[in-house]
């Protein structure tokens, strides 16, 4: 069984910008993570992508999926 590769913030950013849905899902999971080890990486991804959102609306959804 192959090991899953940990993506760098740069790989996540490029994947999101390129419209890669698999990488988008990994970026969302990272940003939603409450693990202290993920915080810095998530912030780097957010800081890079937020200026590129234009006039996008940000919404929050809570509750059980």
PDB file of N, CA and C in Angstrom:
ATOM      1  N   UNK A   1       0.859  -1.176   0.000  1.00  0.00           N
ATOM      2  CA  UNK A   1       0.000   0.000   0.000  1.00  0.00           C
ATOM      3  C   UNK A   1       0.906   1.241   0.000  1.00  0.00           C
ATOM      4  N   UNK A   2       0.717   2.152  -0.960  1.00  0.00           N
ATOM      5  CA  UNK A   2       1.565   3.354  -1.007  1.00  0.00           C
ATOM      6  C   UNK A   2       1.234   4.322   0.124  1.00  0.00           C
ATOM      7  N   UNK A   3       2.269   4.978   0.609  1.00  0.00           N
ATOM      8  CA  UNK A   3       2.067   6.003   1.633  1.00  0.00           C
ATOM      9  C   UNK A   3       1.548   7.277   0.985  1.00  0.00           C
ATOM     10  N   UNK A   4       0.680   7.978   1.672  1.00  0.00           N
ATOM     11  CA  UNK A   4       0.163   9.252   1.162  1.00  0.00           C
ATOM     12  C   UNK A   4       1.215  10.327   1.333  1.00  0.00           C
ATOM     13  N   UNK A   5       1.426  11.087   0.268  1.00  0.00           N
ATOM     14  CA  UNK A   5       2.410  12.162   0.309  1.00  0.00           C
ATOM     15  C   UNK A   5       1.790  13.387   0.971  1.00  0.00           C
ATOM     16  N   UNK A   6       2.520  13.983   1.889  1.00  0.00           N
ATOM     17  CA  UNK A   6       2.088  15.244   2.494  1.00  0.00           C
ATOM     18  C   UNK A   6       2.389  16.359   1.500  1.00  0.00           C
ATOM     19  N   UNK A   7       1.369  17.098   1.113  1.00  0.00           N
ATOM     20  CA  UNK A   7       1.552  18.186   0.157  1.00  0.00           C
ATOM     21  C   UNK A   7       2.085  19.424   0.862  1.00  0.00           C
ATOM     22  N   UNK A   8       2.956  20.131   0.195  1.00  0.00           N
ATOM     23  CA  UNK A   8       3.478  21.388   0.728  1.00  0.00           C
ATOM     24  C   UNK A   8       2.419  22.471   0.548  1.00  0.00           C
ATOM     25  N   UNK A   9       2.527  23.571   1.292  1.00  0.00           N
ATOM     26  CA  UNK A   9       1.594  24.677   1.069  1.00  0.00           C
ATOM     27  C   UNK A   9       1.599  25.138  -0.393  1.00  0.00           C
ATOM     28  N   UNK A  10       2.773  25.160  -1.011  1.00  0.00           N
ATOM     29  CA  UNK A  10       2.869  25.603  -2.405  1.00  0.00           C
ATOM     30  C   UNK A  10       2.118  24.657  -3.343  1.00  0.00           C
ATOM     31  N   UNK A  11       2.200  23.348  -3.087  1.00  0.00           N
ATOM     32  CA  UNK A  11       1.467  22.374  -3.907  1.00  0.00           C
ATOM     33  C   UNK A  11      -0.039  22.525  -3.711  1.00  0.00           C
ATOM     34  N   UNK A  12      -0.452  22.773  -2.469  1.00  0.00           N
ATOM     35  CA  UNK A  12      -1.877  22.979  -2.201  1.00  0.00           C
ATOM     36  C   UNK A  12      -2.384  24.237  -2.900  1.00  0.00           C
ATOM     37  N   UNK A  13      -1.630  25.313  -2.804  1.00  0.00           N
ATOM     38  CA  UNK A  13      -2.025  26.584  -3.425  1.00  0.00           C
ATOM     39  C   UNK A  13      -2.154  26.410  -4.934  1.00  0.00           C
ATOM     40  N   UNK A  14      -1.148  25.807  -5.562  1.00  0.00           N
ATOM     41  CA  UNK A  14      -1.175  25.610  -7.011  1.00  0.00           C
ATOM     42  C   UNK A  14      -2.343  24.719  -7.416  1.00  0.00           C
ATOM     43  N   UNK A  15      -2.575  23.659  -6.669  1.00  0.00           N
ATOM     44  CA  UNK A  15      -3.679  22.755  -6.977  1.00  0.00           C
ATOM     45  C   UNK A  15      -5.033  23.442  -6.897  1.00  0.00           C
ATOM     46  N   UNK A  16      -5.226  24.257  -5.867  1.00  0.00           N
ATOM     47  CA  UNK A  16      -6.485  25.000  -5.728  1.00  0.00           C
ATOM     48  C   UNK A  16      -6.639  25.972  -6.893  1.00  0.00           C
ATOM     49  N   UNK A  17      -5.582  26.695  -7.211  1.00  0.00           N
ATOM     50  CA  UNK A  17      -5.634  27.659  -8.320  1.00  0.00           C
ATOM     51  C   UNK A  17      -5.890  26.971  -9.660  1.00  0.00           C
ATOM     52  N   UNK A  18      -5.390  25.749  -9.812  1.00  0.00           N
ATOM     53  CA  UNK A  18      -5.573  25.001 -11.059  1.00  0.00           C
ATOM     54  C   UNK A  18      -6.922  24.297 -11.138  1.00  0.00           C
ATOM     55  N   UNK A  19      -7.706  24.356 -10.062  1.00  0.00           N
ATOM     56  CA  UNK A  19      -9.027  23.733 -10.065  1.00  0.00           C
ATOM     57  C   UNK A  19      -9.020  22.239  -9.788  1.00  0.00           C
ATOM     58  N   UNK A  20      -7.965  21.731  -9.178  1.00  0.00           N
ATOM     59  CA  UNK A  20      -7.865  20.311  -8.844  1.00  0.00           C
ATOM     60  C   UNK A  20      -8.745  20.035  -7.623  1.00  0.00           C
ATOM     61  N   UNK A  21      -9.839  19.310  -7.830  1.00  0.00           N
ATOM     62  CA  UNK A  21     -10.798  19.090  -6.751  1.00  0.00           C
ATOM     63  C   UNK A  21     -10.249  18.211  -5.627  1.00  0.00           C
ATOM     64  N   UNK A  22      -9.380  17.283  -5.961  1.00  0.00           N
ATOM     65  CA  UNK A  22      -8.779  16.438  -4.920  1.00  0.00           C
ATOM     66  C   UNK A  22      -7.907  17.292  -4.008  1.00  0.00           C
ATOM     67  N   UNK A  23      -7.094  18.150  -4.598  1.00  0.00           N
ATOM     68  CA  UNK A  23      -6.235  19.022  -3.789  1.00  0.00           C
ATOM     69  C   UNK A  23      -7.078  20.056  -3.047  1.00  0.00           C
ATOM     70  N   UNK A  24      -8.138  20.556  -3.663  1.00  0.00           N
ATOM     71  CA  UNK A  24      -9.046  21.473  -2.964  1.00  0.00           C
ATOM     72  C   UNK A  24      -9.593  20.808  -1.705  1.00  0.00           C
ATOM     73  N   UNK A  25     -10.002  19.551  -1.809  1.00  0.00           N
ATOM     74  CA  UNK A  25     -10.545  18.860  -0.632  1.00  0.00           C
ATOM     75  C   UNK A  25      -9.480  18.701   0.455  1.00  0.00           C
ATOM     76  N   UNK A  26      -8.234  18.451   0.051  1.00  0.00           N
ATOM     77  CA  UNK A  26      -7.146  18.341   1.028  1.00  0.00           C
ATOM     78  C   UNK A  26      -6.872  19.695   1.696  1.00  0.00           C
ATOM     79  N   UNK A  27      -6.950  20.776   0.915  1.00  0.00           N
ATOM     80  CA  UNK A  27      -6.741  22.115   1.470  1.00  0.00           C
ATOM     81  C   UNK A  27      -7.852  22.464   2.461  1.00  0.00           C
ATOM     82  N   UNK A  28      -9.086  22.130   2.119  1.00  0.00           N
ATOM     83  CA  UNK A  28     -10.209  22.398   3.026  1.00  0.00           C
ATOM     84  C   UNK A  28     -10.025  21.620   4.326  1.00  0.00           C
ATOM     85  N   UNK A  29      -9.668  20.351   4.213  1.00  0.00           N
ATOM     86  CA  UNK A  29      -9.444  19.527   5.408  1.00  0.00           C
ATOM     87  C   UNK A  29      -8.347  20.118   6.281  1.00  0.00           C
ATOM     88  N   UNK A  30      -7.267  20.557   5.666  1.00  0.00           N
ATOM     89  CA  UNK A  30      -6.166  21.177   6.414  1.00  0.00           C
ATOM     90  C   UNK A  30      -6.643  22.432   7.140  1.00  0.00           C
ATOM     91  N   UNK A  31      -7.368  23.293   6.438  1.00  0.00           N
ATOM     92  CA  UNK A  31      -7.812  24.562   7.015  1.00  0.00           C
ATOM     93  C   UNK A  31      -8.823  24.340   8.140  1.00  0.00           C
ATOM     94  N   UNK A  32      -9.638  23.290   8.023  1.00  0.00           N
ATOM     95  CA  UNK A  32     -10.618  22.987   9.068  1.00  0.00           C
ATOM     96  C   UNK A  32     -10.000  22.278  10.273  1.00  0.00           C
ATOM     97  N   UNK A  33      -8.780  21.795  10.128  1.00  0.00           N
ATOM     98  CA  UNK A  33      -8.132  21.014  11.188  1.00  0.00           C
ATOM     99  C   UNK A  33      -7.924  21.852  12.450  1.00  0.00           C
ATOM    100  N   UNK A  34      -8.140  21.213  13.579  1.00  0.00           N
ATOM    101  CA  UNK A  34      -7.875  21.844  14.873  1.00  0.00           C
ATOM    102  C   UNK A  34      -6.527  21.424  15.446  1.00  0.00           C
ATOM    103  N   UNK A  35      -5.790  20.619  14.706  1.00  0.00           N
ATOM    104  CA  UNK A  35      -4.494  20.129  15.189  1.00  0.00           C
ATOM    105  C   UNK A  35      -3.471  21.260  15.175  1.00  0.00           C
ATOM    106  N   UNK A  36      -2.805  21.482  16.288  1.00  0.00           N
ATOM    107  CA  UNK A  36      -1.801  22.555  16.339  1.00  0.00           C
ATOM    108  C   UNK A  36      -0.725  22.427  15.261  1.00  0.00           C
ATOM    109  N   UNK A  37      -0.372  21.190  14.880  1.00  0.00           N
ATOM    110  CA  UNK A  37       0.669  20.985  13.871  1.00  0.00           C
ATOM    111  C   UNK A  37       0.248  21.482  12.490  1.00  0.00           C
ATOM    112  N   UNK A  38      -1.049  21.624  12.249  1.00  0.00           N
ATOM    113  CA  UNK A  38      -1.548  22.058  10.941  1.00  0.00           C
ATOM    114  C   UNK A  38      -1.730  23.569  10.836  1.00  0.00           C
ATOM    115  N   UNK A  39      -1.673  24.279  11.953  1.00  0.00           N
ATOM    116  CA  UNK A  39      -2.034  25.697  11.970  1.00  0.00           C
ATOM    117  C   UNK A  39      -1.173  26.545  11.033  1.00  0.00           C
ATOM    118  N   UNK A  40       0.144  26.454  11.148  1.00  0.00           N
ATOM    119  CA  UNK A  40       1.023  27.305  10.328  1.00  0.00           C
ATOM    120  C   UNK A  40       0.857  27.030   8.839  1.00  0.00           C
ATOM    121  N   UNK A  41       0.770  25.760   8.485  1.00  0.00           N
ATOM    122  CA  UNK A  41       0.598  25.384   7.080  1.00  0.00           C
ATOM    123  C   UNK A  41      -0.741  25.908   6.547  1.00  0.00           C
ATOM    124  N   UNK A  42      -1.794  25.770   7.337  1.00  0.00           N
ATOM    125  CA  UNK A  42      -3.113  26.255   6.928  1.00  0.00           C
ATOM    126  C   UNK A  42      -3.106  27.771   6.750  1.00  0.00           C
ATOM    127  N   UNK A  43      -2.436  28.477   7.643  1.00  0.00           N
ATOM    128  CA  UNK A  43      -2.363  29.932   7.531  1.00  0.00           C
ATOM    129  C   UNK A  43      -1.627  30.360   6.268  1.00  0.00           C
ATOM    130  N   UNK A  44      -0.564  29.645   5.923  1.00  0.00           N
ATOM    131  CA  UNK A  44       0.181  29.963   4.694  1.00  0.00           C
ATOM    132  C   UNK A  44      -0.704  29.793   3.464  1.00  0.00           C
ATOM    133  N   UNK A  45      -1.488  28.716   3.441  1.00  0.00           N
ATOM    134  CA  UNK A  45      -2.390  28.470   2.306  1.00  0.00           C
ATOM    135  C   UNK A  45      -3.457  29.560   2.243  1.00  0.00           C
ATOM    136  N   UNK A  46      -4.070  29.865   3.376  1.00  0.00           N
ATOM    137  CA  UNK A  46      -5.106  30.908   3.406  1.00  0.00           C
ATOM    138  C   UNK A  46      -4.565  32.271   2.991  1.00  0.00           C
ATOM    139  N   UNK A  47      -3.423  32.645   3.533  1.00  0.00           N
ATOM    140  CA  UNK A  47      -2.852  33.959   3.218  1.00  0.00           C
ATOM    141  C   UNK A  47      -2.525  34.087   1.733  1.00  0.00           C
ATOM    142  N   UNK A  48      -2.141  32.994   1.107  1.00  0.00           N
ATOM    143  CA  UNK A  48      -1.820  33.033  -0.322  1.00  0.00           C
ATOM    144  C   UNK A  48      -3.074  33.082  -1.188  1.00  0.00           C
ATOM    145  N   UNK A  49      -4.141  32.411  -0.751  1.00  0.00           N
ATOM    146  CA  UNK A  49      -5.337  32.307  -1.594  1.00  0.00           C
ATOM    147  C   UNK A  49      -6.347  33.433  -1.381  1.00  0.00           C
ATOM    148  N   UNK A  50      -6.438  33.977  -0.181  1.00  0.00           N
ATOM    149  CA  UNK A  50      -7.452  35.006   0.089  1.00  0.00           C
ATOM    150  C   UNK A  50      -7.363  36.221  -0.831  1.00  0.00           C
ATOM    151  N   UNK A  51      -6.179  36.740  -1.154  1.00  0.00           N
ATOM    152  CA  UNK A  51      -6.135  37.897  -2.054  1.00  0.00           C
ATOM    153  C   UNK A  51      -6.651  37.592  -3.466  1.00  0.00           C
ATOM    154  N   UNK A  52      -6.729  36.325  -3.810  1.00  0.00           N
ATOM    155  CA  UNK A  52      -7.162  35.934  -5.153  1.00  0.00           C
ATOM    156  C   UNK A  52      -8.660  35.651  -5.233  1.00  0.00           C
ATOM    157  N   UNK A  53      -9.395  35.894  -4.157  1.00  0.00           N
ATOM    158  CA  UNK A  53     -10.813  35.528  -4.139  1.00  0.00           C
ATOM    159  C   UNK A  53     -11.722  36.594  -4.733  1.00  0.00           C
ATOM    160  N   UNK A  54     -11.198  37.779  -4.980  1.00  0.00           N
ATOM    161  CA  UNK A  54     -12.042  38.825  -5.567  1.00  0.00           C
ATOM    162  C   UNK A  54     -13.160  39.216  -4.630  1.00  0.00           C
ATOM    163  N   UNK A  55     -14.364  39.172  -5.133  1.00  0.00           N
ATOM    164  CA  UNK A  55     -15.538  39.555  -4.341  1.00  0.00           C
ATOM    165  C   UNK A  55     -16.331  38.332  -3.885  1.00  0.00           C
ATOM    166  N   UNK A  56     -15.630  37.218  -3.693  1.00  0.00           N
ATOM    167  CA  UNK A  56     -16.295  35.991  -3.261  1.00  0.00           C
ATOM    168  C   UNK A  56     -16.872  36.167  -1.860  1.00  0.00           C
ATOM    169  N   UNK A  57     -17.985  35.518  -1.608  1.00  0.00           N
ATOM    170  CA  UNK A  57     -18.583  35.500  -0.277  1.00  0.00           C
ATOM    171  C   UNK A  57     -18.051  34.290   0.470  1.00  0.00           C
ATOM    172  N   UNK A  58     -17.790  34.475   1.749  1.00  0.00           N
ATOM    173  CA  UNK A  58     -17.353  33.374   2.599  1.00  0.00           C
ATOM    174  C   UNK A  58     -18.512  33.021   3.510  1.00  0.00           C
ATOM    175  N   UNK A  59     -18.927  31.758   3.503  1.00  0.00           N
ATOM    176  CA  UNK A  59     -20.024  31.329   4.366  1.00  0.00           C
ATOM    177  C   UNK A  59     -19.528  30.230   5.295  1.00  0.00           C
ATOM    178  N   UNK A  60     -20.192  30.078   6.400  1.00  0.00           N
ATOM    179  CA  UNK A  60     -19.862  29.022   7.347  1.00  0.00           C
ATOM    180  C   UNK A  60     -21.074  28.138   7.562  1.00  0.00           C
ATOM    181  N   UNK A  61     -20.853  26.856   7.597  1.00  0.00           N
ATOM    182  CA  UNK A  61     -21.921  25.886   7.819  1.00  0.00           C
ATOM    183  C   UNK A  61     -21.524  25.063   9.035  1.00  0.00           C
ATOM    184  N   UNK A  62     -22.440  24.919   9.965  1.00  0.00           N
ATOM    185  CA  UNK A  62     -22.150  24.146  11.164  1.00  0.00           C
ATOM    186  C   UNK A  62     -23.115  22.981  11.272  1.00  0.00           C
ATOM    187  N   UNK A  63     -22.775  22.064  12.115  1.00  0.00           N
ATOM    188  CA  UNK A  63     -23.655  20.931  12.360  1.00  0.00           C
ATOM    189  C   UNK A  63     -23.104  19.647  11.779  1.00  0.00           C
ATOM    190  N   UNK A  64     -23.812  18.595  12.033  1.00  0.00           N
ATOM    191  CA  UNK A  64     -23.412  17.279  11.561  1.00  0.00           C
ATOM    192  C   UNK A  64     -23.629  17.196  10.053  1.00  0.00           C
ATOM    193  N   UNK A  65     -22.661  16.611   9.331  1.00  0.00           N
ATOM    194  CA  UNK A  65     -22.842  16.487   7.872  1.00  0.00           C
ATOM    195  C   UNK A  65     -23.990  15.579   7.506  1.00  0.00           C
TER     196      UNK A  65
END
